[in-house]
C-alpha cells in the first residue's frame, strides 16, 4: 500500500492508502475524495478527474500522453502541473504523493 494525500480547494488534507497498479482516479473514488467526478470511468475522454500534482512529484509520475494533453485543454483552470488522475497508475515510487483537487471540474 502507498500513502497518497489529496488536498481539496479549501486546503483540507485527506491521506489515503492506495493499492499499487490502480489509477489515482480509482483511489480517489474508492476513498470518497470530493471533487474527482470521473464521468467517463477512466477512459481519458471527459477530463473530470483533473488534479494538480505537486511539483516535487512531477518527475515521479509518468509523462502525459498526447491524448491526455489534448484532454487537459478542456479543464477548468489548467496549470503546468495539471494531470488527469485516470492516467496516473500508482506504484511504490509514489509513496507520499500529494495532489490537489481543483474547486470545479466543469
C-alpha atoms as a PDB file:
ATOM      1  CA  UNK A   1       0.000   0.000   0.000  1.00  0.00           C
ATOM      2  CA  UNK A   2       1.076   3.527  -0.817  1.00  0.00           C
ATOM      3  CA  UNK A   3       0.075   6.650   1.078  1.00  0.00           C
ATOM      4  CA  UNK A   4      -1.400   9.425  -1.076  1.00  0.00           C
ATOM      5  CA  UNK A   5      -2.552  12.837   0.144  1.00  0.00           C
ATOM      6  CA  UNK A   6      -5.392  14.679  -1.572  1.00  0.00           C
ATOM      7  CA  UNK A   7      -5.852  18.363  -0.775  1.00  0.00           C
ATOM      8  CA  UNK A   8      -9.179  19.976  -1.658  1.00  0.00           C
ATOM      9  CA  UNK A   9      -9.644  23.558  -2.849  1.00  0.00           C
ATOM     10  CA  UNK A  10     -10.262  24.714   0.748  1.00  0.00           C
ATOM     11  CA  UNK A  11      -6.931  23.256   1.851  1.00  0.00           C
ATOM     12  CA  UNK A  12      -8.314  20.232   3.695  1.00  0.00           C
ATOM     13  CA  UNK A  13      -5.909  17.278   3.569  1.00  0.00           C
ATOM     14  CA  UNK A  14      -7.045  13.691   3.221  1.00  0.00           C
ATOM     15  CA  UNK A  15      -4.492  10.902   3.494  1.00  0.00           C
ATOM     16  CA  UNK A  16      -5.491   7.557   1.996  1.00  0.00           C
ATOM     17  CA  UNK A  17      -3.891   4.174   1.424  1.00  0.00           C
ATOM     18  CA  UNK A  18      -3.716   3.101  -2.224  1.00  0.00           C
ATOM     19  CA  UNK A  19      -3.059  -0.265  -3.806  1.00  0.00           C
ATOM     20  CA  UNK A  20      -0.367  -0.336  -6.445  1.00  0.00           C
ATOM     21  CA  UNK A  21      -1.455  -0.946 -10.020  1.00  0.00           C
ATOM     22  CA  UNK A  22      -4.648   1.120  -9.850  1.00  0.00           C
ATOM     23  CA  UNK A  23      -5.212   4.613 -11.169  1.00  0.00           C
ATOM     24  CA  UNK A  24      -5.086   7.655  -8.933  1.00  0.00           C
ATOM     25  CA  UNK A  25      -8.666   8.348 -10.072  1.00  0.00           C
ATOM     26  CA  UNK A  26      -9.815   4.967  -8.769  1.00  0.00           C
ATOM     27  CA  UNK A  27      -8.039   5.608  -5.475  1.00  0.00           C
ATOM     28  CA  UNK A  28      -9.930   8.904  -5.157  1.00  0.00           C
ATOM     29  CA  UNK A  29     -13.272   7.280  -5.972  1.00  0.00           C
ATOM     30  CA  UNK A  30     -12.706   4.315  -3.656  1.00  0.00           C
ATOM     31  CA  UNK A  31     -11.938   6.703  -0.804  1.00  0.00           C
ATOM     32  CA  UNK A  32     -14.736   9.204  -1.453  1.00  0.00           C
ATOM     33  CA  UNK A  33     -12.442  12.089  -2.323  1.00  0.00           C
ATOM     34  CA  UNK A  34     -14.700  15.028  -3.111  1.00  0.00           C
ATOM     35  CA  UNK A  35     -14.084  16.810  -6.414  1.00  0.00           C
ATOM     36  CA  UNK A  36     -12.924  13.863  -8.535  1.00  0.00           C
ATOM     37  CA  UNK A  37     -16.008  13.237 -10.674  1.00  0.00           C
ATOM     38  CA  UNK A  38     -14.634  10.729 -13.214  1.00  0.00           C
ATOM     39  CA  UNK A  39     -17.663  10.700 -15.514  1.00  0.00           C
ATOM     40  CA  UNK A  40     -16.008   8.506 -18.147  1.00  0.00           C
ATOM     41  CA  UNK A  41     -14.744   5.982 -15.616  1.00  0.00           C
ATOM     42  CA  UNK A  42     -11.109   6.378 -16.573  1.00  0.00           C
ATOM     43  CA  UNK A  43     -11.260   6.302 -20.371  1.00  0.00           C
ATOM     44  CA  UNK A  44      -9.432   9.640 -20.732  1.00  0.00           C
ATOM     45  CA  UNK A  45     -12.413  11.130 -22.531  1.00  0.00           C
ATOM     46  CA  UNK A  46     -14.011  13.641 -20.158  1.00  0.00           C
ATOM     47  CA  UNK A  47     -11.309  15.386 -18.059  1.00  0.00           C
ATOM     48  CA  UNK A  48     -13.491  15.338 -14.916  1.00  0.00           C
ATOM     49  CA  UNK A  49     -10.748  13.665 -12.891  1.00  0.00           C
ATOM     50  CA  UNK A  50      -8.462  16.668 -13.264  1.00  0.00           C
ATOM     51  CA  UNK A  51      -5.993  17.242 -10.453  1.00  0.00           C
ATOM     52  CA  UNK A  52      -2.806  19.154  -9.770  1.00  0.00           C
ATOM     53  CA  UNK A  53       0.248  17.046  -8.962  1.00  0.00           C
ATOM     54  CA  UNK A  54       2.500  18.891  -6.528  1.00  0.00           C
ATOM     55  CA  UNK A  55       5.551  19.999  -8.478  1.00  0.00           C
ATOM     56  CA  UNK A  56       8.069  17.974  -6.467  1.00  0.00           C
ATOM     57  CA  UNK A  57       6.256  14.839  -7.690  1.00  0.00           C
ATOM     58  CA  UNK A  58       6.079  15.642 -11.407  1.00  0.00           C
ATOM     59  CA  UNK A  59       9.283  13.698 -12.209  1.00  0.00           C
ATOM     60  CA  UNK A  60       7.949  10.588 -10.468  1.00  0.00           C
ATOM     61  CA  UNK A  61       4.648  10.267 -12.337  1.00  0.00           C
ATOM     62  CA  UNK A  62       4.679   9.128 -15.936  1.00  0.00           C
ATOM     63  CA  UNK A  63       4.573  11.902 -18.516  1.00  0.00           C
ATOM     64  CA  UNK A  64       1.148  12.685 -20.004  1.00  0.00           C
ATOM     65  CA  UNK A  65       0.327  11.032 -23.318  1.00  0.00           C
ATOM     66  CA  UNK A  66      -0.737  13.087 -26.326  1.00  0.00           C
ATOM     67  CA  UNK A  67      -4.372  12.119 -25.679  1.00  0.00           C
ATOM     68  CA  UNK A  68      -4.143  13.312 -22.080  1.00  0.00           C
ATOM     69  CA  UNK A  69      -2.521  16.577 -23.206  1.00  0.00           C
ATOM     70  CA  UNK A  70      -5.420  17.115 -25.614  1.00  0.00           C
ATOM     71  CA  UNK A  71      -7.986  16.461 -22.864  1.00  0.00           C
ATOM     72  CA  UNK A  72      -6.211  18.844 -20.489  1.00  0.00           C
ATOM     73  CA  UNK A  73      -7.088  21.664 -22.882  1.00  0.00           C
ATOM     74  CA  UNK A  74     -10.711  21.312 -21.680  1.00  0.00           C
ATOM     75  CA  UNK A  75     -10.170  21.500 -17.919  1.00  0.00           C
ATOM     76  CA  UNK A  76     -11.160  24.457 -15.763  1.00  0.00           C
ATOM     77  CA  UNK A  77      -8.120  26.464 -14.609  1.00  0.00           C
ATOM     78  CA  UNK A  78      -5.317  24.399 -16.155  1.00  0.00           C
ATOM     79  CA  UNK A  79      -1.828  24.752 -14.709  1.00  0.00           C
ATOM     80  CA  UNK A  80       1.584  23.401 -15.662  1.00  0.00           C
ATOM     81  CA  UNK A  81       1.106  20.612 -13.107  1.00  0.00           C
ATOM     82  CA  UNK A  82      -2.399  19.649 -14.300  1.00  0.00           C
ATOM     83  CA  UNK A  83      -2.971  15.936 -14.855  1.00  0.00           C
ATOM     84  CA  UNK A  84      -5.861  13.576 -15.335  1.00  0.00           C
ATOM     85  CA  UNK A  85      -5.851  11.257 -12.349  1.00  0.00           C
ATOM     86  CA  UNK A  86      -7.126   8.381 -14.516  1.00  0.00           C
ATOM     87  CA  UNK A  87      -3.797   8.393 -16.336  1.00  0.00           C
ATOM     88  CA  UNK A  88      -1.555   8.071 -13.281  1.00  0.00           C
ATOM     89  CA  UNK A  89      -1.024   4.492 -12.127  1.00  0.00           C
ATOM     90  CA  UNK A  90       0.007   4.117  -8.503  1.00  0.00           C
ATOM     91  CA  UNK A  91       3.287   2.324  -7.874  1.00  0.00           C
ATOM     92  CA  UNK A  92       5.705   2.157  -4.945  1.00  0.00           C
ATOM     93  CA  UNK A  93       7.642   5.197  -6.185  1.00  0.00           C
ATOM     94  CA  UNK A  94       4.577   7.344  -5.447  1.00  0.00           C
ATOM     95  CA  UNK A  95       4.689   6.741  -1.675  1.00  0.00           C
ATOM     96  CA  UNK A  96       3.756  10.115  -0.145  1.00  0.00           C
ATOM     97  CA  UNK A  97       2.377  11.618  -3.382  1.00  0.00           C
ATOM     98  CA  UNK A  98       0.456  14.858  -2.844  1.00  0.00           C
ATOM     99  CA  UNK A  99      -2.206  16.042  -5.291  1.00  0.00           C
ATOM    100  CA  UNK A 100      -4.558  18.973  -5.170  1.00  0.00           C
ATOM    101  CA  UNK A 101      -8.155  18.730  -6.297  1.00  0.00           C
ATOM    102  CA  UNK A 102      -9.486  21.767  -8.201  1.00  0.00           C
ATOM    103  CA  UNK A 103     -12.523  23.691  -6.979  1.00  0.00           C
ATOM    104  CA  UNK A 104     -14.501  22.648 -10.076  1.00  0.00           C
ATOM    105  CA  UNK A 105     -14.350  20.072 -12.856  1.00  0.00           C
ATOM    106  CA  UNK A 106     -16.775  21.879 -15.184  1.00  0.00           C
END
